[in-house]
Protein backbone atom coordinates (compact mmCIF):
# COMPACT_ATOMS: atom_id res chain seq x y z
CA MET A 1 133.61 87.68 69.68
CA GLU A 2 136.83 86.64 71.44
CA GLU A 3 137.66 90.26 72.12
CA LEU A 4 134.27 90.72 73.88
CA LYS A 5 134.71 87.58 75.89
CA ASP A 6 138.10 88.78 77.11
CA SER A 7 136.69 91.99 78.38
CA LEU A 8 133.90 90.25 80.33
CA PRO A 9 134.00 89.44 84.00
CA LYS A 10 135.42 85.94 84.59
CA LYS A 11 132.02 84.48 85.48
CA ALA A 12 130.33 85.79 82.39
CA ALA A 13 133.11 84.73 80.06
CA SER A 14 133.12 81.15 81.45
CA PHE A 15 129.27 81.04 81.04
CA VAL A 16 129.61 82.17 77.34
CA LYS A 17 132.46 79.66 76.82
CA GLU A 18 130.34 76.83 78.30
CA ASN A 19 127.40 77.56 76.21
CA GLU A 20 129.49 77.65 73.02
CA GLU A 21 131.07 74.31 73.87
CA GLU A 22 127.75 72.63 74.63
CA ASP A 23 126.05 70.95 71.65
CA GLY A 24 122.68 70.51 73.40
CA LEU A 25 121.03 73.78 72.26
CA SER A 26 117.33 73.65 72.73
CA ASP A 27 114.87 70.84 72.06
CA SER A 28 113.73 72.50 68.86
CA LEU A 29 117.30 72.49 67.48
CA SER A 30 117.90 68.92 68.47
CA GLU A 31 114.69 67.99 66.62
CA GLU A 32 115.89 69.96 63.62
CA ARG A 33 119.20 68.07 63.68
CA LYS A 34 117.44 64.75 63.70
CA PHE A 35 115.37 65.87 60.84
CA GLU A 36 118.50 66.94 58.98
CA GLY A 37 120.14 63.68 59.64
CA SER A 38 117.16 61.83 58.04
CA GLN A 39 117.43 64.20 55.00
CA GLU A 40 121.20 63.81 54.24
CA GLY A 41 120.62 62.96 50.66
CA ILE A 42 119.38 66.44 49.90
CA GLY A 43 122.82 68.16 50.11
CA GLU A 44 121.82 71.62 48.95
CA ASN A 45 119.91 72.28 52.13
CA ASP A 46 122.60 70.90 54.47
CA TRP A 47 124.75 74.06 54.35
CA ILE A 48 121.64 76.26 54.94
CA HIS A 49 120.78 74.32 58.11
CA GLU A 50 124.36 74.38 59.21
CA ALA A 51 124.62 78.03 58.66
CA SER A 52 121.29 78.42 60.52
CA ASP A 53 122.57 76.40 63.43
CA GLN A 54 125.75 78.49 63.52
CA ASN A 55 123.77 81.74 63.29
CA LEU A 56 121.59 80.50 66.15
CA LYS A 57 124.63 79.59 68.28
CA ASP A 58 126.30 83.00 67.38
CA GLY A 59 123.13 84.83 68.07
CA PHE A 60 122.62 83.07 71.41
CA SER A 61 126.31 83.64 72.25
CA ARG A 62 126.03 87.22 71.26
CA ALA A 63 122.86 87.67 73.32
CA VAL A 64 124.41 86.05 76.43
CA LEU A 65 127.57 88.16 75.85
CA LEU A 66 125.51 91.35 75.67
CA PHE A 67 123.50 90.31 78.64
CA ALA A 68 126.77 89.60 80.58
CA LEU A 69 128.19 92.92 79.54
CA GLU A 70 125.03 94.78 80.65
CA LEU A 71 125.11 92.82 84.06
CA GLY A 72 128.73 93.96 84.48
CA ARG A 73 127.71 97.62 83.94
CA LEU A 74 124.89 97.38 86.27
CA ASN A 75 127.09 95.68 88.95
CA SER A 76 129.61 98.54 88.46
CA LYS A 77 126.83 101.18 88.78
CA LEU A 78 125.49 99.45 91.81
CA LYS A 79 128.98 99.34 93.51
CA SER A 80 129.39 103.12 92.65
CA MET A 81 126.05 103.89 94.13
CA THR A 82 126.72 101.83 97.21
CA LYS A 83 130.02 103.76 97.62
CA ASP A 84 128.17 107.11 97.22
CA VAL A 85 125.49 106.08 99.78
CA ASP A 86 128.21 105.01 102.22
CA HIS A 87 130.11 108.23 101.64
CA GLN A 88 127.02 110.33 102.26
CA ARG A 89 126.23 108.39 105.41
CA GLN A 90 129.83 109.08 106.66
CA LEU A 91 129.40 112.71 105.81
CA ARG A 92 126.15 112.91 107.69
CA LEU A 93 127.77 111.29 110.78
CA ILE A 94 130.70 113.61 110.54
CA HIS A 95 128.32 116.59 110.36
CA GLU A 96 126.27 115.42 113.31
CA LYS A 97 129.43 114.98 115.43
CA PHE A 98 130.65 118.39 114.40
CA LYS A 99 127.39 119.89 115.39
CA GLU A 100 127.45 118.17 118.67
CA GLU A 101 131.01 119.50 119.41
CA VAL A 102 130.49 122.93 118.07
CA ASN A 103 127.05 123.81 119.54
CA PRO A 104 128.23 124.11 123.21
CA HIS A 105 130.98 126.53 122.03
CA LEU A 106 128.52 128.57 120.06
CA GLN A 107 126.17 128.72 123.11
CA ASP A 108 129.18 129.89 125.14
CA CYS A 109 129.93 132.61 122.62
CA ARG A 110 126.23 133.72 122.56
CA SER A 111 126.33 133.94 126.37
CA THR A 112 129.56 135.92 126.29
CA VAL A 113 128.26 138.36 123.66
CA GLU A 114 125.02 138.84 125.65
CA GLY A 115 127.05 139.47 128.78
CA LEU A 116 129.25 141.93 126.91
CA GLU A 117 126.26 143.80 125.61
CA SER A 118 124.86 144.03 129.13
CA ASP A 119 128.17 145.35 130.38
CA GLN A 120 128.28 147.90 127.59
CA ILE A 121 124.86 149.22 128.51
CA GLU A 122 125.88 149.41 132.19
CA ILE A 123 129.16 151.18 131.47
CA LYS A 124 127.46 153.57 129.08
CA GLY A 125 124.95 154.53 131.73
CA ALA A 126 127.72 154.92 134.38
CA LEU A 127 129.66 157.04 131.97
CA GLU A 128 126.73 159.33 131.23
CA LYS A 129 126.22 159.76 134.98
CA GLN A 130 129.84 160.53 135.51
CA ILE A 131 129.83 163.06 132.65
CA GLY A 132 126.64 164.63 134.14
CA LYS A 133 128.28 164.84 137.66
CA GLU A 134 131.40 166.36 136.23
CA GLN A 135 129.49 168.95 134.22
CA LEU A 136 127.41 169.78 137.26
CA LEU A 137 130.55 170.27 139.35
CA GLN A 138 132.03 172.49 136.70
CA LEU A 139 128.75 174.49 136.48
CA LYS A 140 128.77 174.85 140.38
CA HIS A 141 132.33 175.98 140.22
CA VAL A 142 131.64 178.60 137.59
CA MET A 143 128.65 179.89 139.54
CA THR A 144 130.77 180.16 142.68
CA MET A 145 133.45 182.18 140.92
CA CYS A 146 130.86 184.41 139.29
CA THR A 147 129.26 185.01 142.70
CA LYS A 148 132.61 185.88 144.33
CA GLU A 149 133.49 188.32 141.55
CA GLY A 150 129.97 189.81 141.74
CA ILE A 151 128.98 188.88 138.31
CA LEU A 152 126.02 187.05 139.67
CA ASN A 153 123.93 188.72 142.40
């Protein structure tokens, strides 16, 4: 019992200790003691009542102790959950700030890519025109030479 009390939070341990030190159990136990006091001549039943009182005290102390232990566990879980909730809230804030800072850069990149695609289409068209003009000039040159040499009439 002492080992359990030592592992309890301070408030719970002091509560258990106070309850162990108190003699005013419940009204029914007080009545039982009065009855036992008036029956002192019996002797054989005295140790049974004393054992019963001790068992009630131990049972109550044990119940209080278990209750206090469970409260400690719940308190620990609550603190852990609170920390988790706070951590998730912080992560959400960081994520939102990240999105706010990155989105303009992403938009700039999209605009740049769209501009590059447009430039590529324009250059491709100009290159095709240039190739076409060069081929046309080469064809004209070949025709002129063929005409001079009489190959073409």
